[in-house]
Structures are given as structure tokens and as C-alpha cells.
Amino acid sequence: MINTLQAGRFMAAMAVVLHHAVISVAAFVETPPWFVYSLLEYGYLGVDFFFVLSGFIIHYTMSLKPRPAPQFALDRLGRILLPYWPVGVALAVAYTLLPALSDSGRSWSWLSTLTLIPTEAPPALSVAWTLQHELVFYLIYATLFFTSQISSGLALWGLAIILGPIWLAPELPVLKIALAPINLEFIAGVAAASFFLSKHKTSTAWSVSLSSLFLFAFLVLGADRDESALIGLSIASLLPCLCRFEEAGRFFVPSWLVFGGAASYAIYLTHNPLLSLTSRAFGLLGSEWLIAIIASVIVCTFVGVLYYATFERPIMQIYKRIQNNSLSLRM
């Protein structure tokens, strides 16, 4: 089951890399044919996949092996912040020393960069907005889990998200993040994990039909980014079925996909700054768009895997040892 989720994480990360690669290549090299650009641009849906998987994994692991609230908080903060800080801070320093490095002119904040606390200005690393959503989800989930209000609490959160635009215009940055429609995907992931853990039997046809219904709704509504939460719901409808298939041995996940899933966070963190550099380089070399996209994706994958192997994995192992030693001393 874990292999399915790891493979999903890797595919989601690569979809996001392709999304940003085609945009970057179009800006600095040459514009790909419209059908290629349009197809790869939908790689942003990898974020929706990430959010569903995050909700699923958190609820699955906490249901099988609950952790005390302090340990949960330290685990989640360490998992997000330790790999993120070197990339986020390095980019903030680069933007400070070389303001012209960012052609977008996007404003950013040191406070949000260092802490990922939602402020009026986002973090320097553009993709870190998703990490802010992750941290808000962890806070809400932990509050509900440790007060035994998961089902009712998440239902109320989902209702607030759906009705929020009607009765509330949130001004606080944290409320804007907490009530964003994309958070429905975290809730859908938790619901999918609950269904999987319940061992309820459901037909493949039912799962595929429900997933297809959400996909159809996304297409009918225009397949715009504002409706991407429907893709998350479509993915969540299939997850319990896919996990049961893996448990039953009906398919095999290759080891390279599992490893790619482990390295997916590192790839996600490092790819956008790298694409800015590779696209500029290929533009100066006069490369064709296809070569630029393929080479950029290879570079991003290689550097992400290297970052995972040389920094993320070792630092997380050290962090876990410190946590375990601290726990042993308290006991």
C-alpha cells in the first residue's frame, strides 16, 4: 500500500516539474506548440494529488500508530521545515542580493520565508505556498484528532470552505489559506484513508464511476485551475481501491518509483529555482523547446535526488535520532 502512495508522490512531483518546465522554456527559450503547452500546463494538478496523498497518509499513519500531540507537532514541523530551509533561505538571499534575478517582480516576505506563517506576502520560494497549506492542515487535523472530533470537525471545515465565499470574505492571510477550496483535497484524503481502514468492500466499477463523475464535472466547468479540487476528489475516489489492489498483489510498484516517491519532496523543493537557470542557459544556447524541456526535467530530477540523498535523508535521520534520544531520557 505504501508503495502505491510513494509512486503517486513521484508522479505528482514530476507533473509539477513539467508544468513549470513548459512555462519556463516558453519564457526563455521558445514557445512549444499549443497542444504541448496546454497539456503540460495541466501538470499543476500534481499539487492536487499531493494534497490528497498528504491527507491519506497522515490519517492512515495516525490511525494505526497514534503519536502524542507534541511528537506529532515535532514530526510534522521537522519533516516540512528541515528540507525546506536551505532552499527557501538560499533563494531569499539570492533575491536580496540580486533583485533582478526574478523576472516576475513577485513580492515576498522574510517572515513567511523563514516560518511559512501566512502573511500578506508569500515566501521567496514560489512553490512554498503549498507548504503553508500543509501546515494549516496539520494544525486543524491535530486539533481534531486529539479532541476525538475528526469526522464532525472535518465535515464542518469542509462546509466552511464551501460556504465561505457566500457569507465570509476572509481578510486574514491564515483564513484565506484555511478556507481555500483546495483544502477539500486534504479532507478527501482523510476520508479515503478512513474508508480504506474500515475494510468496507466496494466494487472497482463504483470507484471508477465516482472518480469519473468528478473528472467530468471538472471538464464541464471549464477545466480551470479554480475547479482543480474536483481532480483531487477524483483521485481520492480511486485511492482505496488502488491500495487494496496492491495489498492483494494485483500489481507491482517498481522500486525506482518507490525511491522517486521518497525523493519527491526534494525534487519539488529544488526544481523551480533550477528551471529558472536551465531555461536561461538553453535560451542563450539557442536550443529547441523539446531539448530544453527534456534536459531541464532530467537536471531537476537528478539534482532533487542528489539533494534527497545528501541532505534530506541524512538530516531527517539525525532529527529522528535526537527525538528518540529525548523520548528515552523523558521515560
Protein backbone atom coordinates (compact mmCIF):
# COMPACT_ATOMS: atom_id res chain seq x y z
CA MET A 1 0.00 0.00 0.00
CA ILE A 2 2.80 2.39 0.90
CA ASN A 3 4.42 1.68 -2.48
CA THR A 4 1.31 2.93 -4.27
CA LEU A 5 1.42 6.17 -2.30
CA GLN A 6 5.14 6.64 -2.92
CA ALA A 7 4.66 6.11 -6.64
CA GLY A 8 1.84 8.64 -6.55
CA ARG A 9 4.07 11.20 -4.85
CA PHE A 10 6.76 10.79 -7.51
CA MET A 11 4.27 11.13 -10.37
CA ALA A 12 2.77 14.21 -8.73
CA ALA A 13 6.20 15.81 -8.35
CA MET A 14 7.11 15.12 -11.98
CA ALA A 15 3.80 16.57 -13.16
CA VAL A 16 4.57 19.81 -11.32
CA VAL A 17 8.11 19.84 -12.75
CA LEU A 18 6.71 19.51 -16.29
CA HIS A 19 4.19 22.29 -15.57
CA HIS A 20 6.87 24.73 -14.54
CA ALA A 21 9.31 23.50 -17.22
CA VAL A 22 7.00 24.31 -20.11
CA ILE A 23 6.26 27.76 -18.67
CA SER A 24 9.94 28.50 -18.11
CA VAL A 25 11.01 27.22 -21.53
CA ALA A 26 8.28 29.28 -23.21
CA ALA A 27 9.58 32.38 -21.41
CA PHE A 28 13.31 31.92 -22.04
CA VAL A 29 13.77 29.52 -24.98
CA GLU A 30 10.81 29.31 -27.37
CA THR A 31 7.11 28.63 -27.09
CA PRO A 32 6.22 24.96 -27.67
CA PRO A 33 3.28 24.06 -29.92
CA TRP A 34 -0.02 25.00 -28.30
CA PHE A 35 -1.13 21.39 -27.74
CA VAL A 36 2.13 20.55 -25.93
CA TYR A 37 1.97 23.71 -23.85
CA SER A 38 -1.71 23.16 -23.00
CA LEU A 39 -1.14 19.54 -21.99
CA LEU A 40 1.95 20.10 -19.85
CA GLU A 41 0.43 23.18 -18.24
CA TYR A 42 -2.05 20.85 -16.53
CA GLY A 43 0.88 19.46 -14.57
CA TYR A 44 -0.21 21.81 -11.78
CA LEU A 45 -2.74 19.08 -10.94
CA GLY A 46 0.18 17.28 -9.32
CA VAL A 47 -0.33 19.62 -6.35
CA ASP A 48 -3.90 18.36 -6.04
CA PHE A 49 -2.54 14.81 -5.99
CA PHE A 50 -0.02 15.81 -3.30
CA PHE A 51 -2.74 17.23 -1.05
CA VAL A 52 -4.93 14.14 -1.31
CA LEU A 53 -1.96 11.89 -0.56
CA SER A 54 -0.99 14.06 2.40
CA GLY A 55 -4.44 13.73 3.96
CA PHE A 56 -4.48 9.98 3.29
CA ILE A 57 -1.00 9.30 4.69
CA ILE A 58 -1.43 11.41 7.82
CA HIS A 59 -4.73 9.81 8.79
CA TYR A 60 -3.59 6.31 7.88
CA THR A 61 -0.41 6.51 9.98
CA MET A 62 -2.07 8.25 12.92
CA SER A 63 -4.90 5.70 12.96
CA LEU A 64 -2.52 2.74 13.01
CA LYS A 65 0.16 4.25 15.24
CA PRO A 66 -1.05 7.32 17.16
CA ARG A 67 1.60 9.69 18.50
CA PRO A 68 1.31 12.16 21.37
CA ALA A 69 0.48 15.70 20.29
CA PRO A 70 3.98 17.12 20.96
CA GLN A 71 5.62 14.33 18.97
CA PHE A 72 3.16 14.79 16.11
CA ALA A 73 3.91 18.52 16.01
CA LEU A 74 7.68 17.98 16.06
CA ASP A 75 7.47 15.26 13.41
CA ARG A 76 5.45 17.41 11.02
CA LEU A 77 7.40 20.63 11.58
CA GLY A 78 10.72 18.84 11.14
CA ARG A 79 9.53 17.00 8.05
CA ILE A 80 8.43 20.22 6.35
CA LEU A 81 10.95 22.78 7.57
CA LEU A 82 14.31 20.98 7.71
CA PRO A 83 14.48 20.08 4.00
CA TYR A 84 12.81 23.37 3.04
CA TRP A 85 15.01 25.88 4.90
CA PRO A 86 18.24 25.55 2.84
CA VAL A 87 16.36 26.03 -0.44
CA GLY A 88 13.96 28.71 0.76
CA VAL A 89 16.57 30.77 2.60
CA ALA A 90 19.15 30.44 -0.20
CA LEU A 91 16.62 31.77 -2.70
CA ALA A 92 15.66 34.64 -0.39
CA VAL A 93 19.32 35.61 -0.03
CA ALA A 94 19.76 35.44 -3.81
CA TYR A 95 16.73 37.68 -4.38
CA THR A 96 18.03 40.11 -1.74
CA LEU A 97 21.49 40.36 -3.32
CA LEU A 98 20.26 40.17 -6.92
CA PRO A 99 16.73 41.65 -7.10
CA ALA A 100 16.65 41.35 -10.91
CA LEU A 101 17.00 37.57 -10.64
CA SER A 102 13.21 37.23 -10.53
CA ASP A 103 11.64 38.45 -13.76
CA SER A 104 8.15 38.17 -12.30
CA GLY A 105 8.64 41.01 -9.83
CA ARG A 106 6.77 38.93 -7.25
CA SER A 107 6.85 40.40 -3.75
CA TRP A 108 7.84 38.11 -0.91
CA SER A 109 8.40 38.22 2.84
CA TRP A 110 11.31 37.16 5.06
CA LEU A 111 8.85 36.24 7.82
CA SER A 112 6.84 33.89 5.64
CA THR A 113 10.04 32.55 4.06
CA LEU A 114 11.60 31.62 7.41
CA THR A 115 8.49 30.39 9.23
CA LEU A 116 5.93 29.60 6.48
CA ILE A 117 3.46 31.58 8.59
CA PRO A 118 0.84 33.05 6.22
CA THR A 119 1.36 36.78 5.73
CA GLU A 120 0.28 39.32 3.13
CA ALA A 121 3.44 38.48 1.14
CA PRO A 122 4.33 34.87 0.23
CA PRO A 123 7.65 33.06 0.82
CA ALA A 124 10.54 33.64 -1.59
CA LEU A 125 10.25 30.08 -2.91
CA SER A 126 7.15 30.23 -5.08
CA VAL A 127 6.02 26.63 -4.50
CA ALA A 128 6.16 27.12 -0.71
CA TRP A 129 2.54 28.32 -0.73
CA THR A 130 1.60 24.63 -0.73
CA LEU A 131 3.68 24.09 2.42
CA GLN A 132 1.67 26.83 4.14
CA HIS A 133 -1.48 24.86 3.31
CA GLU A 134 0.16 21.70 4.66
CA LEU A 135 0.97 23.32 7.99
CA VAL A 136 -2.56 24.73 8.35
CA PHE A 137 -3.92 21.25 7.61
CA TYR A 138 -1.65 19.68 10.23
CA LEU A 139 -2.82 22.21 12.81
CA ILE A 140 -6.51 21.60 12.10
CA TYR A 141 -6.08 17.83 11.85
CA ALA A 142 -4.12 17.59 15.11
CA THR A 143 -6.68 19.71 16.95
CA LEU A 144 -9.49 17.47 15.78
CA PHE A 145 -7.61 14.18 16.21
CA PHE A 146 -6.53 14.85 19.78
CA THR A 147 -10.03 16.00 20.73
CA SER A 148 -11.62 12.95 19.02
CA GLN A 149 -13.61 15.14 16.63
CA ILE A 150 -12.14 14.08 13.29
CA SER A 151 -15.35 13.23 11.41
CA SER A 152 -17.52 16.08 12.62
CA GLY A 153 -14.67 18.58 12.64
CA LEU A 154 -13.55 17.87 9.08
CA ALA A 155 -17.18 17.95 7.92
CA LEU A 156 -17.58 21.41 9.45
CA TRP A 157 -14.30 22.55 7.92
CA GLY A 158 -15.44 21.33 4.52
CA LEU A 159 -18.77 23.11 4.93
CA ALA A 160 -16.99 26.33 5.89
CA ILE A 161 -14.81 26.04 2.77
CA ILE A 162 -17.83 25.53 0.52
CA LEU A 163 -19.96 28.26 2.11
CA GLY A 164 -17.10 30.63 2.89
CA PRO A 165 -17.35 32.68 -0.33
CA ILE A 166 -21.07 33.22 0.34
CA TRP A 167 -21.01 34.53 3.90
CA LEU A 168 -17.39 35.47 4.53
CA ALA A 169 -14.67 37.47 2.82
CA PRO A 170 -11.61 36.46 4.86
CA GLU A 171 -9.02 39.18 5.19
CA LEU A 172 -6.51 37.45 7.46
CA PRO A 173 -3.93 35.52 5.41
CA VAL A 174 -4.32 32.43 7.59
CA LEU A 175 -8.09 32.43 6.97
CA LYS A 176 -7.58 32.82 3.24
CA ILE A 177 -5.44 29.70 3.32
CA ALA A 178 -7.67 27.75 5.72
CA LEU A 179 -10.82 28.40 3.64
CA ALA A 180 -9.29 27.87 0.18
CA PRO A 181 -11.22 25.26 -1.87
CA ILE A 182 -8.05 23.24 -2.49
CA ASN A 183 -8.13 22.19 1.20
CA LEU A 184 -11.08 19.95 0.33
CA GLU A 185 -8.43 17.60 -1.04
CA PHE A 186 -6.86 17.10 2.39
CA ILE A 187 -10.31 16.24 3.71
CA ALA A 188 -10.93 13.89 0.79
CA GLY A 189 -7.60 12.17 1.50
CA VAL A 190 -8.56 11.64 5.15
CA ALA A 191 -11.96 10.28 4.07
CA ALA A 192 -10.27 7.91 1.60
CA ALA A 193 -7.93 6.64 4.34
CA SER A 194 -10.88 6.12 6.70
CA PHE A 195 -12.71 4.15 4.04
CA PHE A 196 -9.62 2.04 3.33
CA LEU A 197 -9.05 1.32 7.03
CA SER A 198 -12.71 0.38 7.54
CA LYS A 199 -12.21 -2.59 5.18
CA HIS A 200 -15.57 -1.91 3.56
CA LYS A 201 -15.86 -3.71 0.29
CA THR A 202 -16.54 -1.61 -2.77
CA SER A 203 -16.52 -2.51 -6.42
CA THR A 204 -13.93 -1.22 -8.81
CA ALA A 205 -16.75 -0.05 -11.05
CA TRP A 206 -18.19 2.10 -8.24
CA SER A 207 -14.82 3.73 -7.53
CA VAL A 208 -14.14 4.38 -11.20
CA SER A 209 -17.66 5.75 -11.72
CA LEU A 210 -17.37 8.19 -8.81
CA SER A 211 -13.91 9.25 -9.93
CA SER A 212 -15.18 9.75 -13.48
CA LEU A 213 -18.06 11.87 -12.20
CA PHE A 214 -15.69 14.32 -10.52
CA LEU A 215 -13.46 14.37 -13.61
CA PHE A 216 -16.49 15.03 -15.82
CA ALA A 217 -17.59 17.89 -13.56
CA PHE A 218 -14.08 19.40 -13.81
CA LEU A 219 -14.23 19.27 -17.61
CA VAL A 220 -17.78 20.58 -17.86
CA LEU A 221 -16.96 23.55 -15.63
CA GLY A 222 -14.15 24.53 -17.99
CA ALA A 223 -11.19 22.55 -16.62
CA ASP A 224 -9.90 25.71 -14.98
CA ARG A 225 -7.49 25.87 -12.08
CA ASP A 226 -10.21 27.23 -9.79
CA GLU A 227 -12.04 23.89 -10.11
CA SER A 228 -8.95 21.71 -9.60
CA ALA A 229 -10.28 20.47 -6.25
CA LEU A 230 -12.58 18.26 -8.31
CA ILE A 231 -9.49 16.44 -9.61
CA GLY A 232 -8.44 15.87 -6.02
CA LEU A 233 -11.83 14.36 -5.27
CA SER A 234 -11.50 12.18 -8.36
CA ILE A 235 -8.11 10.88 -7.20
CA ALA A 236 -9.35 10.30 -3.65
CA SER A 237 -12.19 8.15 -5.01
CA LEU A 238 -9.68 5.77 -6.57
CA LEU A 239 -7.09 5.58 -3.78
CA PRO A 240 -8.75 2.96 -1.50
CA CYS A 241 -9.31 0.70 -4.50
CA LEU A 242 -5.71 1.06 -5.71
CA CYS A 243 -4.33 0.39 -2.23
CA ARG A 244 -6.44 -2.76 -1.93
CA PHE A 245 -5.20 -3.92 -5.32
CA GLU A 246 -1.61 -3.58 -4.12
CA GLU A 247 -2.40 -5.42 -0.88
CA ALA A 248 -3.93 -8.24 -2.90
CA GLY A 249 -0.84 -8.42 -5.13
CA ARG A 250 -2.75 -7.44 -8.26
CA PHE A 251 0.01 -5.10 -9.38
CA PHE A 252 3.65 -4.40 -8.55
CA VAL A 253 5.22 -0.99 -7.99
CA PRO A 254 8.81 -0.82 -9.34
CA SER A 255 11.49 0.05 -6.80
CA TRP A 256 12.59 3.12 -8.78
CA LEU A 257 9.10 4.59 -8.40
CA VAL A 258 9.21 3.94 -4.66
CA PHE A 259 12.60 5.65 -4.43
CA GLY A 260 11.29 8.50 -6.57
CA GLY A 261 8.45 8.93 -4.11
CA ALA A 262 10.90 9.19 -1.24
CA ALA A 263 12.82 11.86 -3.16
CA SER A 264 9.69 13.67 -4.39
CA TYR A 265 9.77 16.41 -1.73
CA ALA A 266 13.38 17.25 -2.56
CA ILE A 267 12.55 17.35 -6.28
CA TYR A 268 9.58 19.58 -5.55
CA LEU A 269 11.61 22.00 -3.43
CA THR A 270 14.54 22.40 -5.80
CA HIS A 271 13.00 22.25 -9.27
CA ASN A 272 11.67 25.79 -9.75
CA PRO A 273 14.91 27.71 -9.00
CA LEU A 274 16.77 25.20 -11.19
CA LEU A 275 14.34 25.68 -14.09
CA SER A 276 14.98 29.40 -13.99
CA LEU A 277 18.69 28.70 -14.51
CA THR A 278 18.42 25.88 -17.05
CA SER A 279 15.90 27.72 -19.24
CA ARG A 280 18.06 30.83 -19.33
CA ALA A 281 21.06 28.68 -20.26
CA PHE A 282 19.23 26.85 -23.06
CA GLY A 283 17.89 30.17 -24.30
CA LEU A 284 21.41 31.54 -24.61
CA LEU A 285 22.47 28.36 -26.42
CA GLY A 286 19.60 28.69 -28.89
CA SER A 287 18.22 25.24 -28.05
CA GLU A 288 14.90 23.91 -29.32
CA TRP A 289 11.99 23.76 -26.90
CA LEU A 290 11.85 19.95 -26.83
CA ILE A 291 15.52 19.56 -25.93
CA ALA A 292 15.21 22.31 -23.33
CA ILE A 293 12.20 20.68 -21.63
CA ILE A 294 13.67 17.15 -21.60
CA ALA A 295 17.08 18.30 -20.40
CA SER A 296 15.57 20.59 -17.76
CA VAL A 297 13.41 17.78 -16.36
CA ILE A 298 16.44 15.45 -16.23
CA VAL A 299 18.50 18.09 -14.42
CA CYS A 300 15.70 18.81 -11.93
CA THR A 301 15.21 15.12 -11.20
CA PHE A 302 18.93 14.47 -10.78
CA VAL A 303 19.52 17.47 -8.50
CA GLY A 304 16.40 16.67 -6.46
CA VAL A 305 17.52 13.07 -5.95
CA LEU A 306 21.01 14.31 -5.06
CA TYR A 307 19.57 16.77 -2.53
CA TYR A 308 17.48 13.99 -1.02
CA ALA A 309 20.41 11.56 -0.76
CA THR A 310 22.99 14.03 0.54
CA PHE A 311 20.90 16.30 2.76
CA GLU A 312 17.22 15.50 3.29
CA ARG A 313 17.57 11.83 4.21
CA PRO A 314 20.63 12.31 6.47
CA ILE A 315 19.18 15.34 8.27
CA MET A 316 15.87 13.57 8.88
CA GLN A 317 17.71 10.53 10.26
CA ILE A 318 19.65 12.78 12.65
CA TYR A 319 16.44 14.56 13.63
CA LYS A 320 14.70 11.28 14.40
CA ARG A 321 17.63 10.06 16.48
CA ILE A 322 17.53 13.28 18.52
CA GLN A 323 13.79 12.83 19.02
CA ASN A 324 14.20 9.20 20.08
CA ASN A 325 17.02 10.06 22.50
CA SER A 326 14.92 12.86 24.00
CA LEU A 327 11.98 10.48 24.40
CA SER A 328 14.20 7.87 26.07
CA LEU A 329 15.50 10.43 28.56
CA ARG A 330 11.95 11.50 29.50
CA MET A 331 10.99 7.89 30.09
